[in-house]
PDB file of N, CA and C in Angstrom:
ATOM      1  N   UNK A   1       0.787  -0.957  -0.058  1.00  0.00           N
ATOM      2  CA  UNK A   1      -0.026   0.004  -0.099  1.00  0.00           C
ATOM      3  C   UNK A   1       0.832   1.249   0.022  1.00  0.00           C
ATOM      4  N   UNK A   2       0.509   2.232  -0.485  1.00  0.00           N
ATOM      5  CA  UNK A   2       1.113   3.558  -0.630  1.00  0.00           C
ATOM      6  C   UNK A   2       0.025   4.573  -0.494  1.00  0.00           C
ATOM      7  N   UNK A   3       0.099   5.754   0.367  1.00  0.00           N
ATOM      8  CA  UNK A   3      -0.656   6.619   0.539  1.00  0.00           C
ATOM      9  C   UNK A   3      -0.169   7.880   0.052  1.00  0.00           C
ATOM     10  N   UNK A   4      -0.945   8.868  -0.696  1.00  0.00           N
ATOM     11  CA  UNK A   4      -0.209   9.947  -1.066  1.00  0.00           C
ATOM     12  C   UNK A   4      -1.286  11.037  -0.319  1.00  0.00           C
ATOM     13  N   UNK A   5      -0.493  12.130   0.008  1.00  0.00           N
ATOM     14  CA  UNK A   5      -1.179  13.146   0.808  1.00  0.00           C
ATOM     15  C   UNK A   5      -0.862  14.570   0.141  1.00  0.00           C
ATOM     16  N   UNK A   6      -1.906  15.229   0.058  1.00  0.00           N
ATOM     17  CA  UNK A   6      -1.818  16.574  -0.238  1.00  0.00           C
ATOM     18  C   UNK A   6      -2.169  17.426   0.812  1.00  0.00           C
ATOM     19  N   UNK A   7      -1.223  18.155   1.529  1.00  0.00           N
ATOM     20  CA  UNK A   7      -1.344  18.983   2.908  1.00  0.00           C
ATOM     21  C   UNK A   7      -1.113  20.582   2.514  1.00  0.00           C
ATOM     22  N   UNK A   8      -2.019  21.158   2.872  1.00  0.00           N
ATOM     23  CA  UNK A   8      -1.631  22.666   2.941  1.00  0.00           C
ATOM     24  C   UNK A   8      -0.971  23.244   4.040  1.00  0.00           C
ATOM     25  N   UNK A   9       0.317  23.605   3.807  1.00  0.00           N
ATOM     26  CA  UNK A   9       1.086  24.040   5.107  1.00  0.00           C
ATOM     27  C   UNK A   9       1.363  25.573   4.888  1.00  0.00           C
ATOM     28  N   UNK A  10       0.350  26.069   4.206  1.00  0.00           N
ATOM     29  CA  UNK A  10       0.313  27.677   4.067  1.00  0.00           C
ATOM     30  C   UNK A  10      -0.568  28.294   5.027  1.00  0.00           C
ATOM     31  N   UNK A  11      -0.735  29.520   5.281  1.00  0.00           N
ATOM     32  CA  UNK A  11      -1.723  30.215   6.107  1.00  0.00           C
ATOM     33  C   UNK A  11      -2.721  30.662   5.288  1.00  0.00           C
ATOM     34  N   UNK A  12      -2.893  30.303   3.927  1.00  0.00           N
ATOM     35  CA  UNK A  12      -4.071  30.859   3.110  1.00  0.00           C
ATOM     36  C   UNK A  12      -4.609  29.545   2.520  1.00  0.00           C
ATOM     37  N   UNK A  13      -5.742  29.475   2.313  1.00  0.00           N
ATOM     38  CA  UNK A  13      -6.687  28.645   1.399  1.00  0.00           C
ATOM     39  C   UNK A  13      -5.764  28.236   0.177  1.00  0.00           C
ATOM     40  N   UNK A  14      -5.794  27.153  -0.408  1.00  0.00           N
ATOM     41  CA  UNK A  14      -5.078  26.775  -1.786  1.00  0.00           C
ATOM     42  C   UNK A  14      -6.153  25.910  -2.343  1.00  0.00           C
ATOM     43  N   UNK A  15      -5.922  25.991  -3.831  1.00  0.00           N
ATOM     44  CA  UNK A  15      -6.903  25.206  -4.824  1.00  0.00           C
ATOM     45  C   UNK A  15      -5.986  24.360  -5.670  1.00  0.00           C
ATOM     46  N   UNK A  16      -6.327  23.271  -5.855  1.00  0.00           N
ATOM     47  CA  UNK A  16      -5.227  22.637  -6.960  1.00  0.00           C
ATOM     48  C   UNK A  16      -6.272  21.773  -7.919  1.00  0.00           C
ATOM     49  N   UNK A  17      -5.841  21.669  -8.936  1.00  0.00           N
ATOM     50  CA  UNK A  17      -6.550  21.105  -9.947  1.00  0.00           C
ATOM     51  C   UNK A  17      -6.294  19.660 -10.212  1.00  0.00           C
ATOM     52  N   UNK A  18      -7.289  18.909 -10.488  1.00  0.00           N
ATOM     53  CA  UNK A  18      -6.963  17.438 -10.697  1.00  0.00           C
ATOM     54  C   UNK A  18      -8.399  16.893 -11.501  1.00  0.00           C
ATOM     55  N   UNK A  19      -8.156  15.857 -11.557  1.00  0.00           N
ATOM     56  CA  UNK A  19      -9.367  15.100 -12.529  1.00  0.00           C
ATOM     57  C   UNK A  19     -10.021  13.979 -11.708  1.00  0.00           C
ATOM     58  N   UNK A  20     -11.152  13.135 -12.176  1.00  0.00           N
ATOM     59  CA  UNK A  20     -11.802  12.311 -11.457  1.00  0.00           C
ATOM     60  C   UNK A  20     -10.891  10.967 -11.403  1.00  0.00           C
ATOM     61  N   UNK A  21     -10.886  10.233 -10.144  1.00  0.00           N
ATOM     62  CA  UNK A  21     -11.690  10.785  -8.825  1.00  0.00           C
ATOM     63  C   UNK A  21     -10.861  11.534  -8.125  1.00  0.00           C
ATOM     64  N   UNK A  22     -11.510  12.476  -7.221  1.00  0.00           N
ATOM     65  CA  UNK A  22     -10.724  13.460  -6.436  1.00  0.00           C
ATOM     66  C   UNK A  22      -9.928  12.529  -5.135  1.00  0.00           C
ATOM     67  N   UNK A  23      -8.842  12.808  -4.569  1.00  0.00           N
ATOM     68  CA  UNK A  23      -8.422  14.018  -4.859  1.00  0.00           C
ATOM     69  C   UNK A  23      -7.144  13.872  -5.583  1.00  0.00           C
ATOM     70  N   UNK A  24      -6.586  13.063  -6.509  1.00  0.00           N
ATOM     71  CA  UNK A  24      -5.546  13.122  -7.273  1.00  0.00           C
ATOM     72  C   UNK A  24      -5.841  12.752  -8.890  1.00  0.00           C
ATOM     73  N   UNK A  25      -7.165  12.247  -8.917  1.00  0.00           N
ATOM     74  CA  UNK A  25      -7.511  11.614 -10.388  1.00  0.00           C
ATOM     75  C   UNK A  25      -7.028  10.297 -10.677  1.00  0.00           C
ATOM     76  N   UNK A  26      -7.110   9.753 -11.884  1.00  0.00           N
ATOM     77  CA  UNK A  26      -6.381   8.519 -12.086  1.00  0.00           C
ATOM     78  C   UNK A  26      -4.965   8.492 -12.545  1.00  0.00           C
ATOM     79  N   UNK A  27      -4.287   7.859 -11.672  1.00  0.00           N
ATOM     80  CA  UNK A  27      -2.900   7.764 -11.932  1.00  0.00           C
ATOM     81  C   UNK A  27      -2.555   6.582 -12.681  1.00  0.00           C
ATOM     82  N   UNK A  28      -1.402   6.537 -13.535  1.00  0.00           N
ATOM     83  CA  UNK A  28      -1.117   5.472 -14.101  1.00  0.00           C
ATOM     84  C   UNK A  28       0.426   5.488 -14.549  1.00  0.00           C
ATOM     85  N   UNK A  29       1.215   4.546 -14.900  1.00  0.00           N
ATOM     86  CA  UNK A  29       2.609   4.774 -15.585  1.00  0.00           C
ATOM     87  C   UNK A  29       2.164   4.347 -17.084  1.00  0.00           C
ATOM     88  N   UNK A  30       2.449   5.099 -18.155  1.00  0.00           N
ATOM     89  CA  UNK A  30       2.093   4.677 -19.666  1.00  0.00           C
ATOM     90  C   UNK A  30       2.871   3.574 -19.953  1.00  0.00           C
ATOM     91  N   UNK A  31       3.760   2.991 -19.280  1.00  0.00           N
ATOM     92  CA  UNK A  31       4.621   1.661 -19.890  1.00  0.00           C
ATOM     93  C   UNK A  31       4.042   0.694 -19.225  1.00  0.00           C
ATOM     94  N   UNK A  32       3.034   0.730 -18.289  1.00  0.00           N
ATOM     95  CA  UNK A  32       2.539  -0.641 -17.661  1.00  0.00           C
ATOM     96  C   UNK A  32       1.358  -0.721 -18.012  1.00  0.00           C
ATOM     97  N   UNK A  33       0.855  -2.103 -18.479  1.00  0.00           N
ATOM     98  CA  UNK A  33      -0.671  -2.317 -19.054  1.00  0.00           C
ATOM     99  C   UNK A  33      -1.498  -2.390 -17.988  1.00  0.00           C
ATOM    100  N   UNK A  34      -1.005  -2.541 -16.716  1.00  0.00           N
ATOM    101  CA  UNK A  34      -1.910  -2.646 -15.493  1.00  0.00           C
ATOM    102  C   UNK A  34      -1.729  -1.496 -14.613  1.00  0.00           C
ATOM    103  N   UNK A  35      -2.607  -0.996 -14.132  1.00  0.00           N
ATOM    104  CA  UNK A  35      -2.545   0.161 -13.096  1.00  0.00           C
ATOM    105  C   UNK A  35      -1.931  -0.264 -12.001  1.00  0.00           C
ATOM    106  N   UNK A  36      -0.738   0.492 -11.751  1.00  0.00           N
ATOM    107  CA  UNK A  36       0.132  -0.132 -10.657  1.00  0.00           C
ATOM    108  C   UNK A  36      -0.236   0.769  -9.445  1.00  0.00           C
ATOM    109  N   UNK A  37      -1.030   1.631  -9.281  1.00  0.00           N
ATOM    110  CA  UNK A  37      -1.395   2.624  -8.212  1.00  0.00           C
ATOM    111  C   UNK A  37      -3.129   2.318  -8.381  1.00  0.00           C
ATOM    112  N   UNK A  38      -3.601   1.532  -7.805  1.00  0.00           N
ATOM    113  CA  UNK A  38      -5.022   1.073  -7.908  1.00  0.00           C
ATOM    114  C   UNK A  38      -5.944   1.464  -6.515  1.00  0.00           C
ATOM    115  N   UNK A  39      -7.035   1.948  -6.654  1.00  0.00           N
ATOM    116  CA  UNK A  39      -7.934   2.425  -5.996  1.00  0.00           C
ATOM    117  C   UNK A  39      -9.265   2.084  -6.393  1.00  0.00           C
ATOM    118  N   UNK A  40     -10.178   1.453  -5.542  1.00  0.00           N
ATOM    119  CA  UNK A  40     -11.629   0.803  -6.046  1.00  0.00           C
ATOM    120  C   UNK A  40     -12.359   2.326  -6.370  1.00  0.00           C
ATOM    121  N   UNK A  41     -11.923   3.392  -6.294  1.00  0.00           N
ATOM    122  CA  UNK A  41     -12.622   4.770  -6.647  1.00  0.00           C
ATOM    123  C   UNK A  41     -12.533   4.858  -8.181  1.00  0.00           C
ATOM    124  N   UNK A  42     -11.657   3.905  -8.617  1.00  0.00           N
ATOM    125  CA  UNK A  42     -11.599   4.086 -10.044  1.00  0.00           C
ATOM    126  C   UNK A  42     -12.771   3.533 -10.449  1.00  0.00           C
ATOM    127  N   UNK A  43     -13.121   2.174 -10.033  1.00  0.00           N
ATOM    128  CA  UNK A  43     -14.352   1.473 -10.617  1.00  0.00           C
ATOM    129  C   UNK A  43     -15.518   2.321 -10.097  1.00  0.00           C
ATOM    130  N   UNK A  44     -15.515   2.945  -9.092  1.00  0.00           N
ATOM    131  CA  UNK A  44     -16.699   3.542  -8.558  1.00  0.00           C
ATOM    132  C   UNK A  44     -17.138   5.010  -9.394  1.00  0.00           C
ATOM    133  N   UNK A  45     -16.043   5.515  -9.955  1.00  0.00           N
ATOM    134  CA  UNK A  45     -16.194   6.853 -10.530  1.00  0.00           C
ATOM    135  C   UNK A  45     -17.032   6.638 -11.798  1.00  0.00           C
ATOM    136  N   UNK A  46     -17.748   7.507 -12.174  1.00  0.00           N
ATOM    137  CA  UNK A  46     -18.591   7.227 -13.527  1.00  0.00           C
ATOM    138  C   UNK A  46     -18.049   8.084 -14.405  1.00  0.00           C
ATOM    139  N   UNK A  47     -16.512   8.811 -14.076  1.00  0.00           N
ATOM    140  CA  UNK A  47     -16.096   9.232 -15.120  1.00  0.00           C
ATOM    141  C   UNK A  47     -14.362   8.342 -15.570  1.00  0.00           C
ATOM    142  N   UNK A  48     -14.225   7.182 -15.034  1.00  0.00           N
ATOM    143  CA  UNK A  48     -13.234   6.337 -15.293  1.00  0.00           C
ATOM    144  C   UNK A  48     -13.738   5.012 -15.716  1.00  0.00           C
ATOM    145  N   UNK A  49     -13.205   4.576 -16.867  1.00  0.00           N
ATOM    146  CA  UNK A  49     -13.480   3.257 -17.296  1.00  0.00           C
ATOM    147  C   UNK A  49     -12.404   2.407 -17.071  1.00  0.00           C
ATOM    148  N   UNK A  50     -12.728   1.210 -16.507  1.00  0.00           N
ATOM    149  CA  UNK A  50     -11.829   0.224 -16.169  1.00  0.00           C
ATOM    150  C   UNK A  50     -12.066  -1.276 -16.786  1.00  0.00           C
ATOM    151  N   UNK A  51     -11.103  -1.956 -16.958  1.00  0.00           N
ATOM    152  CA  UNK A  51     -11.167  -3.393 -17.391  1.00  0.00           C
ATOM    153  C   UNK A  51     -10.389  -4.274 -16.571  1.00  0.00           C
ATOM    154  N   UNK A  52     -10.989  -4.959 -15.484  1.00  0.00           N
ATOM    155  CA  UNK A  52      -9.997  -5.440 -14.677  1.00  0.00           C
ATOM    156  C   UNK A  52      -9.248  -4.392 -13.676  1.00  0.00           C
ATOM    157  N   UNK A  53      -7.967  -4.573 -13.583  1.00  0.00           N
ATOM    158  CA  UNK A  53      -7.049  -3.444 -12.882  1.00  0.00           C
ATOM    159  C   UNK A  53      -6.376  -2.522 -14.050  1.00  0.00           C
ATOM    160  N   UNK A  54      -7.087  -2.362 -15.367  1.00  0.00           N
ATOM    161  CA  UNK A  54      -6.553  -1.523 -16.321  1.00  0.00           C
ATOM    162  C   UNK A  54      -7.614  -0.394 -16.261  1.00  0.00           C
ATOM    163  N   UNK A  55      -6.992   1.090 -16.589  1.00  0.00           N
ATOM    164  CA  UNK A  55      -7.775   2.047 -16.891  1.00  0.00           C
ATOM    165  C   UNK A  55      -8.019   2.178 -18.389  1.00  0.00           C
ATOM    166  N   UNK A  56      -8.901   2.073 -19.100  1.00  0.00           N
ATOM    167  CA  UNK A  56      -9.284   1.964 -20.291  1.00  0.00           C
ATOM    168  C   UNK A  56      -9.630   3.313 -20.873  1.00  0.00           C
ATOM    169  N   UNK A  57     -10.162   4.133 -20.203  1.00  0.00           N
ATOM    170  CA  UNK A  57     -10.646   5.471 -20.763  1.00  0.00           C
ATOM    171  C   UNK A  57     -11.063   6.357 -19.545  1.00  0.00           C
ATOM    172  N   UNK A  58     -11.470   7.632 -19.855  1.00  0.00           N
ATOM    173  CA  UNK A  58     -11.334   8.811 -18.853  1.00  0.00           C
ATOM    174  C   UNK A  58     -12.228   9.670 -19.199  1.00  0.00           C
ATOM    175  N   UNK A  59     -13.140  10.374 -18.709  1.00  0.00           N
ATOM    176  CA  UNK A  59     -13.684  11.567 -18.894  1.00  0.00           C
ATOM    177  C   UNK A  59     -12.498  12.919 -18.668  1.00  0.00           C
ATOM    178  N   UNK A  60     -12.347  13.698 -19.639  1.00  0.00           N
ATOM    179  CA  UNK A  60     -11.226  14.688 -19.235  1.00  0.00           C
ATOM    180  C   UNK A  60     -12.141  15.846 -18.551  1.00  0.00           C
ATOM    181  N   UNK A  61     -12.371  15.662 -16.983  1.00  0.00           N
ATOM    182  CA  UNK A  61     -13.045  16.648 -16.605  1.00  0.00           C
ATOM    183  C   UNK A  61     -12.049  17.331 -15.427  1.00  0.00           C
ATOM    184  N   UNK A  62     -12.300  18.619 -15.503  1.00  0.00           N
ATOM    185  CA  UNK A  62     -11.454  19.157 -14.298  1.00  0.00           C
ATOM    186  C   UNK A  62     -12.283  19.209 -12.993  1.00  0.00           C
ATOM    187  N   UNK A  63     -11.374  18.928 -11.848  1.00  0.00           N
ATOM    188  CA  UNK A  63     -11.956  19.107 -10.798  1.00  0.00           C
ATOM    189  C   UNK A  63     -10.977  19.741  -9.829  1.00  0.00           C
ATOM    190  N   UNK A  64     -11.533  20.615  -8.992  1.00  0.00           N
ATOM    191  CA  UNK A  64     -10.739  21.303  -8.061  1.00  0.00           C
ATOM    192  C   UNK A  64     -10.705  21.112  -6.456  1.00  0.00           C
ATOM    193  N   UNK A  65      -9.609  21.085  -6.018  1.00  0.00           N
ATOM    194  CA  UNK A  65      -9.774  20.631  -4.632  1.00  0.00           C
ATOM    195  C   UNK A  65      -9.155  21.576  -3.784  1.00  0.00           C
ATOM    196  N   UNK A  66     -10.085  22.175  -2.687  1.00  0.00           N
ATOM    197  CA  UNK A  66      -9.715  23.205  -1.803  1.00  0.00           C
ATOM    198  C   UNK A  66      -9.008  22.735  -0.418  1.00  0.00           C
ATOM    199  N   UNK A  67      -8.037  23.319  -0.063  1.00  0.00           N
ATOM    200  CA  UNK A  67      -7.595  22.999   1.032  1.00  0.00           C
ATOM    201  C   UNK A  67      -7.485  24.240   2.101  1.00  0.00           C
ATOM    202  N   UNK A  68      -8.043  24.256   3.342  1.00  0.00           N
ATOM    203  CA  UNK A  68      -7.711  25.154   4.205  1.00  0.00           C
ATOM    204  C   UNK A  68      -6.338  25.101   4.833  1.00  0.00           C
ATOM    205  N   UNK A  69      -5.927  26.250   5.515  1.00  0.00           N
ATOM    206  CA  UNK A  69      -4.665  26.122   6.210  1.00  0.00           C
ATOM    207  C   UNK A  69      -4.572  24.700   7.197  1.00  0.00           C
ATOM    208  N   UNK A  70      -3.524  24.066   7.028  1.00  0.00           N
ATOM    209  CA  UNK A  70      -3.284  22.769   7.821  1.00  0.00           C
ATOM    210  C   UNK A  70      -4.246  21.702   7.285  1.00  0.00           C
ATOM    211  N   UNK A  71      -5.173  21.834   6.438  1.00  0.00           N
ATOM    212  CA  UNK A  71      -6.031  20.677   6.051  1.00  0.00           C
ATOM    213  C   UNK A  71      -5.106  19.785   5.070  1.00  0.00           C
ATOM    214  N   UNK A  72      -5.562  18.628   5.004  1.00  0.00           N
ATOM    215  CA  UNK A  72      -5.090  17.617   3.997  1.00  0.00           C
ATOM    216  C   UNK A  72      -6.151  16.701   3.344  1.00  0.00           C
ATOM    217  N   UNK A  73      -5.777  16.166   2.118  1.00  0.00           N
ATOM    218  CA  UNK A  73      -6.558  15.178   1.607  1.00  0.00           C
ATOM    219  C   UNK A  73      -5.744  13.955   1.129  1.00  0.00           C
ATOM    220  N   UNK A  74      -6.021  12.884   1.313  1.00  0.00           N
ATOM    221  CA  UNK A  74      -5.097  11.587   1.040  1.00  0.00           C
ATOM    222  C   UNK A  74      -5.847  10.581   0.337  1.00  0.00           C
ATOM    223  N   UNK A  75      -5.181   9.666  -0.171  1.00  0.00           N
ATOM    224  CA  UNK A  75      -5.732   8.588  -0.696  1.00  0.00           C
ATOM    225  C   UNK A  75      -4.714   7.398  -0.866  1.00  0.00           C
ATOM    226  N   UNK A  76      -5.126   6.159  -0.267  1.00  0.00           N
ATOM    227  CA  UNK A  76      -4.212   4.936  -0.282  1.00  0.00           C
ATOM    228  C   UNK A  76      -4.639   4.174  -1.405  1.00  0.00           C
ATOM    229  N   UNK A  77      -3.392   3.544  -2.053  1.00  0.00           N
ATOM    230  CA  UNK A  77      -3.445   3.087  -3.130  1.00  0.00           C
ATOM    231  C   UNK A  77      -2.933   1.608  -2.933  1.00  0.00           C
ATOM    232  N   UNK A  78      -3.432   0.470  -3.564  1.00  0.00           N
ATOM    233  CA  UNK A  78      -2.625  -0.657  -3.520  1.00  0.00           C
ATOM    234  C   UNK A  78      -1.390  -0.498  -4.851  1.00  0.00           C
ATOM    235  N   UNK A  79      -0.211  -0.911  -4.229  1.00  0.00           N
ATOM    236  CA  UNK A  79       0.722  -0.880  -5.194  1.00  0.00           C
ATOM    237  C   UNK A  79       1.106  -2.225  -5.746  1.00  0.00           C
ATOM    238  N   UNK A  80       0.782  -2.338  -7.085  1.00  0.00           N
ATOM    239  CA  UNK A  80       0.668  -3.565  -7.741  1.00  0.00           C
ATOM    240  C   UNK A  80       1.881  -3.871  -8.796  1.00  0.00           C
ATOM    241  N   UNK A  81       3.168  -3.540  -8.588  1.00  0.00           N
ATOM    242  CA  UNK A  81       4.193  -3.605  -9.610  1.00  0.00           C
ATOM    243  C   UNK A  81       5.577  -4.396  -8.890  1.00  0.00           C
ATOM    244  N   UNK A  82       6.177  -4.791  -9.683  1.00  0.00           N
ATOM    245  CA  UNK A  82       7.500  -5.276  -9.073  1.00  0.00           C
ATOM    246  C   UNK A  82       8.547  -4.269  -8.708  1.00  0.00           C
ATOM    247  N   UNK A  83       9.626  -4.544  -7.960  1.00  0.00           N
ATOM    248  CA  UNK A  83      10.678  -3.415  -7.831  1.00  0.00           C
ATOM    249  C   UNK A  83      11.230  -2.715  -9.120  1.00  0.00           C
ATOM    250  N   UNK A  84      11.274  -1.347  -9.197  1.00  0.00           N
ATOM    251  CA  UNK A  84      11.697  -0.623 -10.288  1.00  0.00           C
ATOM    252  C   UNK A  84      11.370   0.637  -9.984  1.00  0.00           C
ATOM    253  N   UNK A  85      11.689   1.543 -11.171  1.00  0.00           N
ATOM    254  CA  UNK A  85      11.277   2.821 -11.155  1.00  0.00           C
ATOM    255  C   UNK A  85      10.083   3.016 -12.143  1.00  0.00           C
ATOM    256  N   UNK A  86       9.180   4.013 -11.641  1.00  0.00           N
ATOM    257  CA  UNK A  86       8.116   4.361 -12.599  1.00  0.00           C
ATOM    258  C   UNK A  86       7.682   5.788 -12.398  1.00  0.00           C
ATOM    259  N   UNK A  87       7.331   6.119 -13.576  1.00  0.00           N
ATOM    260  CA  UNK A  87       6.838   7.607 -13.576  1.00  0.00           C
ATOM    261  C   UNK A  87       5.378   7.744 -13.885  1.00  0.00           C
ATOM    262  N   UNK A  88       4.713   8.083 -12.872  1.00  0.00           N
ATOM    263  CA  UNK A  88       3.307   8.100 -12.459  1.00  0.00           C
ATOM    264  C   UNK A  88       2.756   9.462 -12.911  1.00  0.00           C
ATOM    265  N   UNK A  89       1.986   9.243 -13.931  1.00  0.00           N
ATOM    266  CA  UNK A  89       1.136  10.332 -14.651  1.00  0.00           C
ATOM    267  C   UNK A  89      -0.253  10.371 -14.546  1.00  0.00           C
ATOM    268  N   UNK A  90      -0.863  11.529 -14.832  1.00  0.00           N
ATOM    269  CA  UNK A  90      -2.392  11.453 -14.676  1.00  0.00           C
ATOM    270  C   UNK A  90      -2.883  11.263 -15.886  1.00  0.00           C
ATOM    271  N   UNK A  91      -4.210  10.774 -16.079  1.00  0.00           N
ATOM    272  CA  UNK A  91      -4.986  10.728 -17.344  1.00  0.00           C
ATOM    273  C   UNK A  91      -5.710  11.918 -17.495  1.00  0.00           C
ATOM    274  N   UNK A  92      -5.730  12.655 -18.621  1.00  0.00           N
ATOM    275  CA  UNK A  92      -6.482  13.959 -18.712  1.00  0.00           C
ATOM    276  C   UNK A  92      -5.722  15.055 -18.168  1.00  0.00           C
ATOM    277  N   UNK A  93      -6.316  16.034 -17.353  1.00  0.00           N
ATOM    278  CA  UNK A  93      -6.173  17.104 -17.090  1.00  0.00           C
ATOM    279  C   UNK A  93      -4.721  17.025 -16.043  1.00  0.00           C
ATOM    280  N   UNK A  94      -3.741  17.672 -16.260  1.00  0.00           N
ATOM    281  CA  UNK A  94      -2.550  17.448 -15.375  1.00  0.00           C
ATOM    282  C   UNK A  94      -2.685  17.924 -14.067  1.00  0.00           C
ATOM    283  N   UNK A  95      -2.055  17.424 -12.894  1.00  0.00           N
ATOM    284  CA  UNK A  95      -2.262  17.968 -11.724  1.00  0.00           C
ATOM    285  C   UNK A  95      -1.388  19.058 -11.380  1.00  0.00           C
ATOM    286  N   UNK A  96      -2.301  20.490 -11.145  1.00  0.00           N
ATOM    287  CA  UNK A  96      -1.689  21.445 -11.039  1.00  0.00           C
ATOM    288  C   UNK A  96      -1.848  22.235  -9.674  1.00  0.00           C
ATOM    289  N   UNK A  97      -1.070  23.149  -9.540  1.00  0.00           N
ATOM    290  CA  UNK A  97      -0.985  23.973  -8.255  1.00  0.00           C
ATOM    291  C   UNK A  97      -0.273  25.277  -8.706  1.00  0.00           C
ATOM    292  N   UNK A  98      -1.254  26.366  -8.511  1.00  0.00           N
ATOM    293  CA  UNK A  98      -0.476  27.536  -9.016  1.00  0.00           C
ATOM    294  C   UNK A  98       0.156  27.578 -10.411  1.00  0.00           C
ATOM    295  N   UNK A  99      -0.774  27.120 -11.312  1.00  0.00           N
ATOM    296  CA  UNK A  99       0.278  27.323 -12.848  1.00  0.00           C
ATOM    297  C   UNK A  99       1.165  26.152 -12.666  1.00  0.00           C
ATOM    298  N   UNK A 100       1.781  25.482 -11.761  1.00  0.00           N
ATOM    299  CA  UNK A 100       2.828  24.538 -11.930  1.00  0.00           C
ATOM    300  C   UNK A 100       2.096  23.186 -12.164  1.00  0.00           C
ATOM    301  N   UNK A 101       2.588  22.519 -13.098  1.00  0.00           N
ATOM    302  CA  UNK A 101       2.187  20.965 -13.071  1.00  0.00           C
ATOM    303  C   UNK A 101       3.037  20.156 -12.464  1.00  0.00           C
ATOM    304  N   UNK A 102       2.718  18.764 -11.951  1.00  0.00           N
ATOM    305  CA  UNK A 102       3.397  17.922 -10.865  1.00  0.00           C
ATOM    306  C   UNK A 102       3.182  16.660 -11.729  1.00  0.00           C
ATOM    307  N   UNK A 103       4.472  15.901 -11.444  1.00  0.00           N
ATOM    308  CA  UNK A 103       4.412  14.429 -11.705  1.00  0.00           C
ATOM    309  C   UNK A 103       4.912  13.840 -10.719  1.00  0.00           C
ATOM    310  N   UNK A 104       4.714  12.443 -10.456  1.00  0.00           N
ATOM    311  CA  UNK A 104       4.928  11.688  -9.201  1.00  0.00           C
ATOM    312  C   UNK A 104       5.874  10.627  -9.770  1.00  0.00           C
ATOM    313  N   UNK A 105       7.353  10.628  -9.184  1.00  0.00           N
ATOM    314  CA  UNK A 105       8.189   9.526  -9.526  1.00  0.00           C
ATOM    315  C   UNK A 105       8.453   8.637  -8.493  1.00  0.00           C
ATOM    316  N   UNK A 106       8.172   7.299  -8.494  1.00  0.00           N
ATOM    317  CA  UNK A 106       8.476   6.455  -7.509  1.00  0.00           C
ATOM    318  C   UNK A 106       9.454   5.392  -7.854  1.00  0.00           C
ATOM    319  N   UNK A 107      10.356   5.067  -6.873  1.00  0.00           N
ATOM    320  CA  UNK A 107      11.254   4.141  -7.065  1.00  0.00           C
ATOM    321  C   UNK A 107      11.094   2.979  -5.958  1.00  0.00           C
ATOM    322  N   UNK A 108      10.861   1.795  -6.265  1.00  0.00           N
ATOM    323  CA  UNK A 108      10.545   0.819  -5.146  1.00  0.00           C
ATOM    324  C   UNK A 108      11.781  -0.122  -5.390  1.00  0.00           C
ATOM    325  N   UNK A 109      12.301  -0.373  -4.356  1.00  0.00           N
ATOM    326  CA  UNK A 109      13.415  -1.516  -4.290  1.00  0.00           C
ATOM    327  C   UNK A 109      13.165  -2.781  -3.248  1.00  0.00           C
ATOM    328  N   UNK A 110      13.885  -3.653  -3.614  1.00  0.00           N
ATOM    329  CA  UNK A 110      13.528  -4.769  -2.952  1.00  0.00           C
ATOM    330  C   UNK A 110      14.442  -4.768  -1.674  1.00  0.00           C
ATOM    331  N   UNK A 111      13.973  -5.288  -0.500  1.00  0.00           N
ATOM    332  CA  UNK A 111      14.801  -5.310   0.738  1.00  0.00           C
ATOM    333  C   UNK A 111      15.367  -6.652   0.990  1.00  0.00           C
TER     334      UNK A 111
END
């Protein structure tokens, strides 16, 4: 399992753009046929199409998440890939904050 957290550590309300499902949208590695970060919210969302654990389609809708000072939003994902480096991207609209676009790079090593 892996938990992603967006936390507002400023003294002002912030808003970031994402897609469905909130709070981070549908995340995937374009080189992986299966979704390596999986949440049942993909299946439950009317904006994400799935086939097993694959994301096969997505409505390109914009969703904004607002965070008050000190507030956070999180999502826990099942991580379903072997050790390696992955460049996690979002389908549709990019994850943005203040006009900046963000990507998530994950490296998993065997212990």
